[in-house]
Amino acid sequence: MHTGDWPTTVEAALAEQDRLRGRVRLADDCPELPPTVTGLDVAYDDAGGIAAAVVTLETAGLTVVEERTHRAKAVFPYEPGLFAFRELPPLLAALDLLDRVPDVLVCDGHGLAHPRRFGLACHLGVLTGLPAFGVGKTRFVGTHAAPAFTRGSAEPLIDAGEEVGAVLRTQDGVKPVYVSAGHRIDLAHACRLTLALTPRYRLPETTRHADRLSRVALR
């Protein structure tokens, strides 16, 4: 999808979410340990500029094999629940620059753990056709019990009686992250991959690399 086709009003964006939500596939056909993982993140400046970064890592060694950035102006207002309409145009442009098609996308954000069950990871997965899931730093919807303090402990994230994600402890005693499926991967698999991507730090290496790259690109 090109930015020229992008909704520019809240009403149009809500309608687009409703239209695309039915295309989300939760049947898992992502390899248990895909050869690579691709992280995505964006950084903003005070003038409405966005720098999008995508970084592909080898899953086994977590070494960077490819990275791309794209700078653009925001084409959609700041609106909670509709961040994808600000972030996806530059993210898709950066993805198009990759030489290798990603095996799975790891978003700094949410998938089903969204008020309309269509967060950034769902939207990105549907538009690209690739397996995608979200790892959020903070909770957007739902309630949960506190997971145990040991790495790998998890509790379900419940919203309106529905399990929409998992609250996962990636390191002993640190704040948990919020994992949710996006497209073509189930929640349990997304949690296993999240743990594989967090050998030393709270956040996945994909997110850490993409965050750093987006900030550099913005400067």
N, C-alpha and C. Protein backbone atom coordinates (compact mmCIF):
# COMPACT_ATOMS: atom_id res chain seq x y z
N MET A 1 0.85 -1.19 0.00
CA MET A 1 0.00 0.00 0.00
C MET A 1 0.89 1.24 0.00
N HIS A 2 0.59 2.20 -0.85
CA HIS A 2 1.35 3.44 -0.91
C HIS A 2 0.70 4.48 -0.01
N THR A 3 1.51 5.47 0.37
CA THR A 3 0.96 6.50 1.25
C THR A 3 -0.16 7.28 0.58
N GLY A 4 -0.20 7.29 -0.73
CA GLY A 4 -1.28 7.99 -1.41
C GLY A 4 -2.64 7.37 -1.17
N ASP A 5 -2.65 6.06 -0.82
CA ASP A 5 -3.90 5.36 -0.54
C ASP A 5 -4.26 5.42 0.94
N TRP A 6 -3.44 6.07 1.73
CA TRP A 6 -3.56 5.98 3.18
C TRP A 6 -4.70 6.85 3.70
N PRO A 7 -5.51 6.34 4.64
CA PRO A 7 -6.55 7.18 5.24
C PRO A 7 -5.95 8.42 5.90
N THR A 8 -6.66 9.50 5.83
CA THR A 8 -6.18 10.75 6.43
C THR A 8 -7.11 11.27 7.52
N THR A 9 -8.22 10.57 7.78
CA THR A 9 -9.14 10.96 8.84
C THR A 9 -9.36 9.79 9.78
N VAL A 10 -9.78 10.09 11.00
CA VAL A 10 -10.05 9.04 11.98
C VAL A 10 -11.14 8.11 11.47
N GLU A 11 -12.19 8.67 10.89
CA GLU A 11 -13.30 7.85 10.40
C GLU A 11 -12.84 6.87 9.33
N ALA A 12 -12.03 7.36 8.40
CA ALA A 12 -11.53 6.48 7.33
C ALA A 12 -10.61 5.41 7.88
N ALA A 13 -9.80 5.76 8.89
CA ALA A 13 -8.89 4.79 9.48
C ALA A 13 -9.66 3.69 10.22
N LEU A 14 -10.69 4.07 10.96
CA LEU A 14 -11.50 3.07 11.65
C LEU A 14 -12.16 2.13 10.66
N ALA A 15 -12.65 2.67 9.57
CA ALA A 15 -13.27 1.84 8.54
C ALA A 15 -12.25 0.88 7.92
N GLU A 16 -11.02 1.36 7.74
CA GLU A 16 -9.97 0.52 7.19
C GLU A 16 -9.60 -0.61 8.15
N GLN A 17 -9.52 -0.30 9.43
CA GLN A 17 -9.28 -1.35 10.41
C GLN A 17 -10.37 -2.41 10.37
N ASP A 18 -11.62 -1.97 10.31
CA ASP A 18 -12.73 -2.92 10.24
C ASP A 18 -12.64 -3.78 8.98
N ARG A 19 -12.25 -3.17 7.87
CA ARG A 19 -12.16 -3.90 6.60
C ARG A 19 -11.06 -4.96 6.63
N LEU A 20 -9.92 -4.63 7.24
CA LEU A 20 -8.77 -5.52 7.21
C LEU A 20 -8.76 -6.54 8.35
N ARG A 21 -9.48 -6.26 9.41
CA ARG A 21 -9.42 -7.13 10.60
C ARG A 21 -9.81 -8.57 10.28
N GLY A 22 -10.76 -8.74 9.39
CA GLY A 22 -11.20 -10.09 9.04
C GLY A 22 -10.16 -10.89 8.28
N ARG A 23 -9.09 -10.25 7.85
CA ARG A 23 -8.04 -10.97 7.11
C ARG A 23 -6.94 -11.52 8.01
N VAL A 24 -7.01 -11.21 9.30
CA VAL A 24 -6.00 -11.74 10.23
C VAL A 24 -6.13 -13.26 10.29
N ARG A 25 -5.00 -13.94 10.15
CA ARG A 25 -4.95 -15.40 10.27
C ARG A 25 -4.18 -15.76 11.53
N LEU A 26 -4.82 -16.48 12.44
CA LEU A 26 -4.16 -16.87 13.67
C LEU A 26 -3.63 -18.30 13.62
N ALA A 27 -3.94 -19.04 12.53
CA ALA A 27 -3.33 -20.36 12.36
C ALA A 27 -1.82 -20.18 12.20
N ASP A 28 -1.05 -20.95 12.96
CA ASP A 28 0.40 -20.77 13.01
C ASP A 28 1.08 -21.57 11.92
N ASP A 29 1.70 -20.88 10.95
CA ASP A 29 2.52 -21.57 9.96
C ASP A 29 3.93 -20.99 9.90
N CYS A 30 4.34 -20.35 10.98
CA CYS A 30 5.68 -19.80 11.10
C CYS A 30 6.61 -20.90 11.62
N PRO A 31 7.80 -21.08 11.03
CA PRO A 31 8.73 -22.11 11.54
C PRO A 31 9.01 -21.90 13.02
N GLU A 32 9.17 -23.00 13.75
CA GLU A 32 9.39 -22.91 15.19
C GLU A 32 10.55 -21.99 15.52
N LEU A 33 11.66 -22.12 14.82
CA LEU A 33 12.78 -21.21 14.97
C LEU A 33 13.17 -20.73 13.57
N PRO A 34 12.53 -19.65 13.09
CA PRO A 34 12.81 -19.17 11.73
C PRO A 34 14.28 -18.78 11.58
N PRO A 35 14.83 -18.89 10.37
CA PRO A 35 16.24 -18.55 10.17
C PRO A 35 16.59 -17.12 10.58
N THR A 36 15.66 -16.20 10.31
CA THR A 36 15.90 -14.80 10.66
C THR A 36 14.68 -14.21 11.33
N VAL A 37 14.90 -13.10 12.00
CA VAL A 37 13.82 -12.31 12.60
C VAL A 37 14.07 -10.86 12.24
N THR A 38 13.01 -10.14 11.92
CA THR A 38 13.15 -8.74 11.50
C THR A 38 12.39 -7.84 12.45
N GLY A 39 13.11 -6.92 13.09
CA GLY A 39 12.50 -5.98 14.01
C GLY A 39 12.22 -4.65 13.33
N LEU A 40 11.20 -3.96 13.83
CA LEU A 40 10.79 -2.68 13.25
C LEU A 40 10.55 -1.67 14.36
N ASP A 41 10.95 -0.42 14.11
CA ASP A 41 10.68 0.63 15.07
C ASP A 41 10.73 1.97 14.35
N VAL A 42 10.18 3.00 14.99
CA VAL A 42 10.19 4.34 14.42
C VAL A 42 10.62 5.34 15.48
N ALA A 43 11.17 6.46 15.02
CA ALA A 43 11.49 7.58 15.89
C ALA A 43 10.90 8.84 15.28
N TYR A 44 10.49 9.78 16.13
CA TYR A 44 9.84 11.02 15.69
C TYR A 44 10.70 12.22 16.03
N ASP A 45 10.62 13.27 15.22
CA ASP A 45 11.21 14.54 15.60
C ASP A 45 10.10 15.54 15.91
N ASP A 46 10.46 16.73 16.34
CA ASP A 46 9.46 17.72 16.77
C ASP A 46 8.72 18.38 15.60
N ALA A 47 9.19 18.14 14.39
CA ALA A 47 8.57 18.77 13.22
C ALA A 47 7.66 17.83 12.45
N GLY A 48 7.34 16.68 13.04
CA GLY A 48 6.45 15.74 12.37
C GLY A 48 7.17 14.76 11.47
N GLY A 49 8.48 14.72 11.54
CA GLY A 49 9.23 13.76 10.76
C GLY A 49 9.30 12.40 11.44
N ILE A 50 9.36 11.36 10.65
CA ILE A 50 9.45 9.99 11.16
C ILE A 50 10.63 9.30 10.48
N ALA A 51 11.42 8.60 11.27
CA ALA A 51 12.45 7.73 10.72
C ALA A 51 12.07 6.30 11.07
N ALA A 52 11.86 5.47 10.06
CA ALA A 52 11.53 4.06 10.26
C ALA A 52 12.77 3.21 10.05
N ALA A 53 12.93 2.21 10.89
CA ALA A 53 14.08 1.32 10.78
C ALA A 53 13.61 -0.13 10.81
N VAL A 54 14.20 -0.96 9.95
CA VAL A 54 13.98 -2.41 9.97
C VAL A 54 15.35 -3.07 10.04
N VAL A 55 15.47 -4.05 10.92
CA VAL A 55 16.74 -4.73 11.14
C VAL A 55 16.49 -6.24 11.16
N THR A 56 17.19 -6.96 10.30
CA THR A 56 17.07 -8.42 10.26
C THR A 56 18.26 -9.04 10.98
N LEU A 57 17.98 -9.96 11.90
CA LEU A 57 19.00 -10.67 12.65
C LEU A 57 18.92 -12.17 12.35
N GLU A 58 20.06 -12.84 12.41
CA GLU A 58 20.04 -14.30 12.43
C GLU A 58 19.45 -14.74 13.76
N THR A 59 18.49 -15.63 13.72
CA THR A 59 17.84 -16.04 14.96
C THR A 59 18.80 -16.77 15.89
N ALA A 60 19.65 -17.60 15.33
CA ALA A 60 20.53 -18.42 16.17
C ALA A 60 21.56 -17.58 16.92
N GLY A 61 22.25 -16.67 16.24
CA GLY A 61 23.29 -15.91 16.89
C GLY A 61 22.95 -14.48 17.20
N LEU A 62 21.78 -14.03 16.74
CA LEU A 62 21.30 -12.66 16.94
C LEU A 62 22.29 -11.62 16.39
N THR A 63 22.94 -11.97 15.29
CA THR A 63 23.82 -11.02 14.61
C THR A 63 23.06 -10.34 13.48
N VAL A 64 23.35 -9.06 13.27
CA VAL A 64 22.67 -8.29 12.23
C VAL A 64 23.12 -8.75 10.85
N VAL A 65 22.16 -9.04 9.98
CA VAL A 65 22.49 -9.42 8.61
C VAL A 65 22.06 -8.36 7.60
N GLU A 66 21.12 -7.50 7.99
CA GLU A 66 20.65 -6.47 7.07
C GLU A 66 19.89 -5.41 7.84
N GLU A 67 20.03 -4.16 7.42
CA GLU A 67 19.26 -3.09 8.05
C GLU A 67 18.97 -2.00 7.02
N ARG A 68 17.78 -1.39 7.15
CA ARG A 68 17.37 -0.34 6.23
C ARG A 68 16.58 0.71 7.00
N THR A 69 16.61 1.95 6.51
CA THR A 69 15.84 3.03 7.11
C THR A 69 15.11 3.80 6.03
N HIS A 70 14.07 4.52 6.45
CA HIS A 70 13.35 5.41 5.54
C HIS A 70 12.82 6.58 6.35
N ARG A 71 13.02 7.79 5.85
CA ARG A 71 12.53 9.00 6.51
C ARG A 71 11.34 9.55 5.75
N ALA A 72 10.37 10.08 6.50
CA ALA A 72 9.16 10.61 5.88
C ALA A 72 8.50 11.60 6.83
N LYS A 73 7.47 12.25 6.35
CA LYS A 73 6.61 13.10 7.19
C LYS A 73 5.38 12.31 7.59
N ALA A 74 4.90 12.55 8.79
CA ALA A 74 3.69 11.88 9.26
C ALA A 74 2.51 12.27 8.37
N VAL A 75 1.73 11.27 7.97
CA VAL A 75 0.58 11.53 7.10
C VAL A 75 -0.75 11.33 7.84
N PHE A 76 -0.67 11.12 9.16
CA PHE A 76 -1.89 10.87 9.93
C PHE A 76 -1.71 11.49 11.31
N PRO A 77 -2.77 12.03 11.91
CA PRO A 77 -2.64 12.67 13.22
C PRO A 77 -2.34 11.67 14.33
N TYR A 78 -1.86 12.19 15.45
CA TYR A 78 -1.60 11.37 16.63
C TYR A 78 -2.94 10.98 17.24
N GLU A 79 -3.27 9.70 17.19
CA GLU A 79 -4.57 9.23 17.66
C GLU A 79 -4.39 7.85 18.29
N PRO A 80 -4.61 7.71 19.62
CA PRO A 80 -4.46 6.41 20.26
C PRO A 80 -5.29 5.34 19.57
N GLY A 81 -4.70 4.18 19.38
CA GLY A 81 -5.38 3.08 18.71
C GLY A 81 -5.25 3.10 17.20
N LEU A 82 -4.69 4.19 16.67
CA LEU A 82 -4.53 4.33 15.21
C LEU A 82 -3.09 4.67 14.85
N PHE A 83 -2.15 4.31 15.73
CA PHE A 83 -0.74 4.64 15.47
C PHE A 83 -0.24 4.01 14.17
N ALA A 84 -0.80 2.87 13.79
CA ALA A 84 -0.32 2.21 12.58
C ALA A 84 -0.44 3.11 11.36
N PHE A 85 -1.41 4.00 11.36
CA PHE A 85 -1.60 4.86 10.19
C PHE A 85 -0.55 5.95 10.11
N ARG A 86 0.16 6.21 11.22
CA ARG A 86 1.32 7.10 11.19
C ARG A 86 2.60 6.33 10.84
N GLU A 87 2.70 5.12 11.37
CA GLU A 87 3.97 4.41 11.33
C GLU A 87 4.13 3.47 10.15
N LEU A 88 3.05 2.92 9.65
CA LEU A 88 3.18 1.92 8.60
C LEU A 88 3.70 2.46 7.26
N PRO A 89 3.31 3.65 6.82
CA PRO A 89 3.86 4.08 5.52
C PRO A 89 5.39 4.08 5.48
N PRO A 90 6.11 4.69 6.45
CA PRO A 90 7.57 4.60 6.39
C PRO A 90 8.10 3.20 6.69
N LEU A 91 7.43 2.45 7.54
CA LEU A 91 7.89 1.09 7.81
C LEU A 91 7.80 0.21 6.57
N LEU A 92 6.70 0.31 5.84
CA LEU A 92 6.57 -0.47 4.61
C LEU A 92 7.61 -0.06 3.58
N ALA A 93 7.90 1.25 3.52
CA ALA A 93 8.92 1.72 2.59
C ALA A 93 10.29 1.15 2.96
N ALA A 94 10.59 1.10 4.25
CA ALA A 94 11.87 0.53 4.68
C ALA A 94 11.93 -0.96 4.40
N LEU A 95 10.83 -1.67 4.63
CA LEU A 95 10.79 -3.10 4.32
C LEU A 95 11.05 -3.36 2.85
N ASP A 96 10.52 -2.50 1.99
CA ASP A 96 10.72 -2.67 0.56
C ASP A 96 12.18 -2.59 0.15
N LEU A 97 13.01 -1.97 0.99
CA LEU A 97 14.43 -1.80 0.67
C LEU A 97 15.26 -3.03 1.02
N LEU A 98 14.70 -3.97 1.80
CA LEU A 98 15.44 -5.16 2.19
C LEU A 98 15.71 -6.05 0.98
N ASP A 99 16.88 -6.67 0.95
CA ASP A 99 17.21 -7.61 -0.11
C ASP A 99 16.53 -8.95 0.12
N ARG A 100 16.35 -9.33 1.39
CA ARG A 100 15.79 -10.62 1.75
C ARG A 100 14.40 -10.43 2.36
N VAL A 101 13.45 -11.24 1.92
CA VAL A 101 12.11 -11.19 2.49
C VAL A 101 12.17 -11.71 3.93
N PRO A 102 11.64 -10.97 4.90
CA PRO A 102 11.70 -11.42 6.30
C PRO A 102 10.97 -12.74 6.52
N ASP A 103 11.48 -13.50 7.48
CA ASP A 103 10.81 -14.74 7.87
C ASP A 103 9.70 -14.48 8.87
N VAL A 104 9.90 -13.50 9.75
CA VAL A 104 8.89 -13.11 10.73
C VAL A 104 9.19 -11.68 11.15
N LEU A 105 8.14 -10.92 11.41
CA LEU A 105 8.27 -9.53 11.82
C LEU A 105 7.97 -9.40 13.31
N VAL A 106 8.84 -8.66 14.00
CA VAL A 106 8.67 -8.43 15.44
C VAL A 106 8.46 -6.93 15.64
N CYS A 107 7.25 -6.56 16.03
CA CYS A 107 6.89 -5.14 16.14
C CYS A 107 7.10 -4.63 17.56
N ASP A 108 7.52 -3.39 17.66
CA ASP A 108 7.56 -2.71 18.94
C ASP A 108 6.16 -2.14 19.17
N GLY A 109 5.26 -2.99 19.62
CA GLY A 109 3.86 -2.59 19.77
C GLY A 109 3.00 -3.82 20.01
N HIS A 110 1.77 -3.77 19.57
CA HIS A 110 0.80 -4.81 19.88
C HIS A 110 0.16 -5.39 18.61
N GLY A 111 -0.40 -6.58 18.79
CA GLY A 111 -1.17 -7.22 17.74
C GLY A 111 -2.63 -7.26 18.15
N LEU A 112 -3.08 -8.43 18.64
CA LEU A 112 -4.47 -8.54 19.09
C LEU A 112 -4.74 -7.76 20.37
N ALA A 113 -3.72 -7.41 21.11
CA ALA A 113 -3.91 -6.66 22.36
C ALA A 113 -4.16 -5.19 22.05
N HIS A 114 -5.31 -4.95 21.47
CA HIS A 114 -5.70 -3.66 20.92
C HIS A 114 -7.21 -3.53 21.07
N PRO A 115 -7.74 -2.33 21.29
CA PRO A 115 -9.19 -2.20 21.52
C PRO A 115 -10.05 -2.82 20.43
N ARG A 116 -9.57 -2.77 19.18
CA ARG A 116 -10.33 -3.34 18.07
C ARG A 116 -9.67 -4.60 17.51
N ARG A 117 -8.76 -5.18 18.30
CA ARG A 117 -8.08 -6.42 17.95
C ARG A 117 -7.34 -6.32 16.62
N PHE A 118 -6.76 -5.12 16.39
CA PHE A 118 -6.05 -4.92 15.12
C PHE A 118 -4.95 -3.90 15.33
N GLY A 119 -3.97 -4.27 16.14
CA GLY A 119 -2.84 -3.39 16.38
C GLY A 119 -1.83 -3.44 15.26
N LEU A 120 -0.70 -2.79 15.48
CA LEU A 120 0.32 -2.64 14.45
C LEU A 120 0.77 -3.99 13.89
N ALA A 121 0.98 -4.99 14.75
CA ALA A 121 1.47 -6.28 14.26
C ALA A 121 0.44 -6.98 13.37
N CYS A 122 -0.84 -6.86 13.70
CA CYS A 122 -1.88 -7.42 12.83
C CYS A 122 -1.90 -6.70 11.49
N HIS A 123 -1.89 -5.38 11.55
CA HIS A 123 -1.98 -4.55 10.34
C HIS A 123 -0.79 -4.84 9.43
N LEU A 124 0.40 -4.88 10.01
CA LEU A 124 1.60 -5.13 9.23
C LEU A 124 1.60 -6.53 8.63
N GLY A 125 1.17 -7.52 9.43
CA GLY A 125 1.11 -8.88 8.92
C GLY A 125 0.13 -9.03 7.77
N VAL A 126 -1.04 -8.43 7.90
CA VAL A 126 -2.05 -8.53 6.84
C VAL A 126 -1.55 -7.86 5.55
N LEU A 127 -0.95 -6.68 5.67
CA LEU A 127 -0.53 -5.96 4.47
C LEU A 127 0.65 -6.63 3.78
N THR A 128 1.55 -7.24 4.55
CA THR A 128 2.72 -7.88 3.94
C THR A 128 2.52 -9.36 3.66
N GLY A 129 1.55 -9.97 4.36
CA GLY A 129 1.36 -11.40 4.25
C GLY A 129 2.35 -12.21 5.06
N LEU A 130 3.16 -11.55 5.89
CA LEU A 130 4.21 -12.23 6.65
C LEU A 130 3.76 -12.53 8.08
N PRO A 131 4.33 -13.58 8.70
CA PRO A 131 4.08 -13.79 10.13
C PRO A 131 4.55 -12.57 10.91
N ALA A 132 3.77 -12.16 11.89
CA ALA A 132 4.09 -10.96 12.65
C ALA A 132 3.51 -11.07 14.05
N PHE A 133 4.25 -10.54 15.03
CA PHE A 133 3.71 -10.44 16.39
C PHE A 133 4.26 -9.19 17.04
N GLY A 134 3.64 -8.80 18.14
CA GLY A 134 4.03 -7.58 18.83
C GLY A 134 4.61 -7.87 20.20
N VAL A 135 5.59 -7.06 20.58
CA VAL A 135 6.14 -7.09 21.93
C VAL A 135 6.11 -5.65 22.44
N GLY A 136 5.16 -5.35 23.28
CA GLY A 136 4.97 -4.00 23.77
C GLY A 136 5.67 -3.76 25.10
N LYS A 137 6.14 -2.54 25.27
CA LYS A 137 6.79 -2.18 26.54
C LYS A 137 5.76 -1.94 27.64
N THR A 138 4.58 -1.46 27.25
CA THR A 138 3.55 -1.11 28.21
C THR A 138 2.23 -1.73 27.79
N ARG A 139 1.31 -1.84 28.74
CA ARG A 139 -0.01 -2.40 28.47
C ARG A 139 -0.88 -1.35 27.79
N PHE A 140 -1.61 -1.76 26.77
CA PHE A 140 -2.54 -0.88 26.08
C PHE A 140 -3.98 -1.18 26.48
N VAL A 141 -4.33 -2.47 26.56
CA VAL A 141 -5.67 -2.88 26.98
C VAL A 141 -5.54 -4.05 27.95
N GLY A 142 -6.63 -4.32 28.67
CA GLY A 142 -6.73 -5.54 29.43
C GLY A 142 -6.21 -5.45 30.86
N THR A 143 -6.38 -6.55 31.57
CA THR A 143 -5.91 -6.70 32.94
C THR A 143 -5.18 -8.03 33.06
N HIS A 144 -4.37 -8.15 34.12
CA HIS A 144 -3.59 -9.38 34.28
C HIS A 144 -3.08 -9.48 35.70
N ALA A 145 -2.78 -10.70 36.09
CA ALA A 145 -2.06 -10.93 37.34
C ALA A 145 -0.58 -10.69 37.09
N ALA A 146 0.16 -10.50 38.15
CA ALA A 146 1.61 -10.31 38.03
C ALA A 146 2.27 -11.66 37.80
N PRO A 147 3.09 -11.79 36.75
CA PRO A 147 3.81 -13.05 36.56
C PRO A 147 4.87 -13.23 37.65
N ALA A 148 5.26 -14.47 37.87
CA ALA A 148 6.34 -14.74 38.83
C ALA A 148 7.61 -14.01 38.39
N PHE A 149 8.55 -13.87 39.31
CA PHE A 149 9.72 -13.03 39.07
C PHE A 149 10.81 -13.70 38.24
N THR A 150 10.63 -14.97 37.89
CA THR A 150 11.66 -15.68 37.13
C THR A 150 11.43 -15.55 35.63
N ARG A 151 12.53 -15.51 34.88
CA ARG A 151 12.48 -15.42 33.42
C ARG A 151 11.62 -16.56 32.86
N GLY A 152 10.75 -16.20 31.91
CA GLY A 152 9.87 -17.17 31.28
C GLY A 152 8.51 -17.27 31.92
N SER A 153 8.33 -16.66 33.10
CA SER A 153 7.02 -16.67 33.74
C SER A 153 6.05 -15.79 32.95
N ALA A 154 4.80 -16.19 32.89
CA ALA A 154 3.82 -15.45 32.10
C ALA A 154 2.44 -15.56 32.72
N GLU A 155 1.62 -14.56 32.44
CA GLU A 155 0.22 -14.55 32.82
C GLU A 155 -0.60 -14.08 31.62
N PRO A 156 -1.83 -14.58 31.47
CA PRO A 156 -2.65 -14.13 30.35
C PRO A 156 -3.07 -12.66 30.50
N LEU A 157 -3.13 -11.98 29.39
CA LEU A 157 -3.66 -10.61 29.33
C LEU A 157 -5.10 -10.72 28.85
N ILE A 158 -6.04 -10.28 29.69
CA ILE A 158 -7.47 -10.48 29.41
C ILE A 158 -8.13 -9.13 29.16
N ASP A 159 -8.89 -9.06 28.08
CA ASP A 159 -9.65 -7.85 27.78
C ASP A 159 -11.05 -8.26 27.34
N ALA A 160 -12.07 -7.73 28.04
CA ALA A 160 -13.47 -8.05 27.73
C ALA A 160 -13.70 -9.56 27.71
N GLY A 161 -13.06 -10.27 28.66
CA GLY A 161 -13.25 -11.70 28.77
C GLY A 161 -12.47 -12.54 27.78
N GLU A 162 -11.63 -11.91 26.98
CA GLU A 162 -10.89 -12.61 25.93
C GLU A 162 -9.39 -12.52 26.20
N GLU A 163 -8.68 -13.63 26.01
CA GLU A 163 -7.23 -13.61 26.13
C GLU A 163 -6.64 -13.00 24.85
N VAL A 164 -6.04 -11.84 24.99
CA VAL A 164 -5.53 -11.12 23.82
C VAL A 164 -4.01 -11.09 23.77
N GLY A 165 -3.36 -11.61 24.80
CA GLY A 165 -1.90 -11.60 24.82
C GLY A 165 -1.38 -12.25 26.07
N ALA A 166 -0.07 -12.09 26.27
CA ALA A 166 0.58 -12.64 27.46
C ALA A 166 1.49 -11.59 28.06
N VAL A 167 1.55 -11.60 29.39
CA VAL A 167 2.45 -10.72 30.13
C VAL A 167 3.65 -11.59 30.50
N LEU A 168 4.78 -11.33 29.85
CA LEU A 168 5.92 -12.25 29.87
C LEU A 168 7.13 -11.62 30.56
N ARG A 169 7.70 -12.35 31.51
CA ARG A 169 8.91 -11.90 32.19
C ARG A 169 10.11 -12.42 31.39
N THR A 170 10.87 -11.51 30.82
CA THR A 170 11.99 -11.92 29.98
C THR A 170 13.32 -11.99 30.73
N GLN A 171 13.39 -11.38 31.90
CA GLN A 171 14.57 -11.46 32.76
C GLN A 171 14.11 -11.54 34.21
N ASP A 172 14.87 -12.22 35.02
CA ASP A 172 14.51 -12.34 36.44
C ASP A 172 14.34 -10.95 37.06
N GLY A 173 13.18 -10.72 37.65
CA GLY A 173 12.97 -9.53 38.45
C GLY A 173 12.81 -8.22 37.70
N VAL A 174 12.79 -8.23 36.38
CA VAL A 174 12.57 -6.99 35.63
C VAL A 174 11.11 -6.90 35.21
N LYS A 175 10.71 -5.69 34.80
CA LYS A 175 9.33 -5.51 34.36
C LYS A 175 9.03 -6.43 33.18
N PRO A 176 7.82 -6.99 33.12
CA PRO A 176 7.48 -7.87 32.00
C PRO A 176 7.20 -7.07 30.73
N VAL A 177 7.11 -7.79 29.61
CA VAL A 177 6.68 -7.21 28.35
C VAL A 177 5.32 -7.79 27.99
N TYR A 178 4.67 -7.19 27.00
CA TYR A 178 3.32 -7.57 26.60
C TYR A 178 3.37 -8.14 25.19
N VAL A 179 3.21 -9.45 25.08
CA VAL A 179 3.33 -10.15 23.81
C VAL A 179 1.94 -10.45 23.27
N SER A 180 1.74 -10.20 21.98
CA SER A 180 0.47 -10.57 21.36
C SER A 180 0.69 -11.00 19.92
N ALA A 181 -0.09 -11.97 19.50
CA ALA A 181 -0.03 -12.46 18.12
C ALA A 181 -0.54 -11.39 17.17
N GLY A 182 0.01 -11.39 15.96
CA GLY A 182 -0.44 -10.45 14.95
C GLY A 182 -1.04 -11.14 13.74
N HIS A 183 -0.27 -12.05 13.13
CA HIS A 183 -0.71 -12.71 11.89
C HIS A 183 0.19 -13.93 11.66
N ARG A 184 -0.43 -15.06 11.38
CA ARG A 184 0.27 -16.29 10.99
C ARG A 184 1.20 -16.84 12.06
N ILE A 185 0.96 -16.51 13.32
CA ILE A 185 1.71 -17.07 14.43
C ILE A 185 0.80 -17.04 15.65
N ASP A 186 0.90 -18.08 16.50
CA ASP A 186 0.04 -18.07 17.69
C ASP A 186 0.79 -17.49 18.88
N LEU A 187 0.05 -17.27 19.96
CA LEU A 187 0.60 -16.56 21.11
C LEU A 187 1.73 -17.35 21.77
N ALA A 188 1.56 -18.64 21.93
CA ALA A 188 2.60 -19.44 22.59
C ALA A 188 3.90 -19.39 21.79
N HIS A 189 3.79 -19.48 20.49
CA HIS A 189 4.97 -19.42 19.62
C HIS A 189 5.62 -18.04 19.71
N ALA A 190 4.81 -16.99 19.72
CA ALA A 190 5.34 -15.63 19.85
C ALA A 190 6.09 -15.46 21.16
N CYS A 191 5.59 -16.07 22.23
CA CYS A 191 6.28 -15.97 23.52
C CYS A 191 7.61 -16.72 23.49
N ARG A 192 7.64 -17.89 22.86
CA ARG A 192 8.90 -18.64 22.77
C ARG A 192 9.94 -17.86 21.98
N LEU A 193 9.52 -17.25 20.88
CA LEU A 193 10.45 -16.45 20.09
C LEU A 193 10.92 -15.22 20.87
N THR A 194 10.01 -14.61 21.63
CA THR A 194 10.39 -13.45 22.43
C THR A 194 11.49 -13.83 23.42
N LEU A 195 11.37 -14.98 24.05
CA LEU A 195 12.42 -15.42 24.98
C LEU A 195 13.72 -15.71 24.25
N ALA A 196 13.64 -16.24 23.04
CA ALA A 196 14.85 -16.49 22.26
C ALA A 196 15.55 -15.18 21.89
N LEU A 197 14.78 -14.10 21.81
CA LEU A 197 15.33 -12.81 21.40
C LEU A 197 15.74 -11.94 22.58
N THR A 198 15.59 -12.46 23.79
CA THR A 198 15.93 -11.67 24.99
C THR A 198 16.90 -12.43 25.89
N PRO A 199 18.08 -12.78 25.39
CA PRO A 199 19.00 -13.55 26.23
C PRO A 199 19.59 -12.75 27.39
N ARG A 200 19.67 -11.41 27.24
CA ARG A 200 20.34 -10.60 28.26
C ARG A 200 19.53 -9.43 28.76
N TYR A 201 18.64 -8.91 27.93
CA TYR A 201 17.93 -7.68 28.26
C TYR A 201 16.42 -7.91 28.24
N ARG A 202 15.70 -6.93 28.79
CA ARG A 202 14.24 -7.02 28.86
C ARG A 202 13.60 -7.05 27.48
N LEU A 203 14.07 -6.20 26.57
CA LEU A 203 13.46 -6.09 25.25
C LEU A 203 14.17 -6.97 24.23
N PRO A 204 13.45 -7.43 23.21
CA PRO A 204 14.07 -8.26 22.17
C PRO A 204 15.22 -7.52 21.48
N GLU A 205 16.22 -8.28 21.06
CA GLU A 205 17.34 -7.68 20.34
C GLU A 205 16.87 -7.01 19.05
N THR A 206 15.81 -7.53 18.45
CA THR A 206 15.25 -6.89 17.26
C THR A 206 14.81 -5.47 17.56
N THR A 207 14.10 -5.29 18.64
CA THR A 207 13.62 -3.96 19.04
C THR A 207 14.79 -3.06 19.42
N ARG A 208 15.75 -3.58 20.15
CA ARG A 208 16.89 -2.78 20.58
C ARG A 208 17.68 -2.24 19.38
N HIS A 209 17.93 -3.11 18.40
CA HIS A 209 18.67 -2.68 17.21
C HIS A 209 17.86 -1.69 16.38
N ALA A 210 16.57 -1.98 16.18
CA ALA A 210 15.74 -1.10 15.35
C ALA A 210 15.55 0.26 16.01
N ASP A 211 15.39 0.27 17.33
CA ASP A 211 15.25 1.53 18.05
C ASP A 211 16.50 2.39 17.88
N ARG A 212 17.65 1.79 18.05
CA ARG A 212 18.92 2.53 17.92
C ARG A 212 19.08 3.06 16.49
N LEU A 213 18.78 2.22 15.51
CA LEU A 213 18.95 2.62 14.11
C LEU A 213 17.99 3.74 13.74
N SER A 214 16.75 3.69 14.22
CA SER A 214 15.78 4.74 13.88
C SER A 214 16.20 6.08 14.46
N ARG A 215 16.79 6.08 15.67
CA ARG A 215 17.23 7.32 16.28
C ARG A 215 18.43 7.90 15.53
N VAL A 216 19.31 7.06 15.08
CA VAL A 216 20.45 7.52 14.28
C VAL A 216 19.96 8.11 12.96
N ALA A 217 19.01 7.43 12.33
CA ALA A 217 18.47 7.92 11.04
C ALA A 217 17.77 9.26 11.21
N LEU A 218 17.14 9.46 12.34
CA LEU A 218 16.43 10.72 12.58
C LEU A 218 17.39 11.89 12.70
N ARG A 219 18.58 11.63 13.24
CA ARG A 219 19.58 12.69 13.38
C ARG A 219 20.24 13.02 12.05
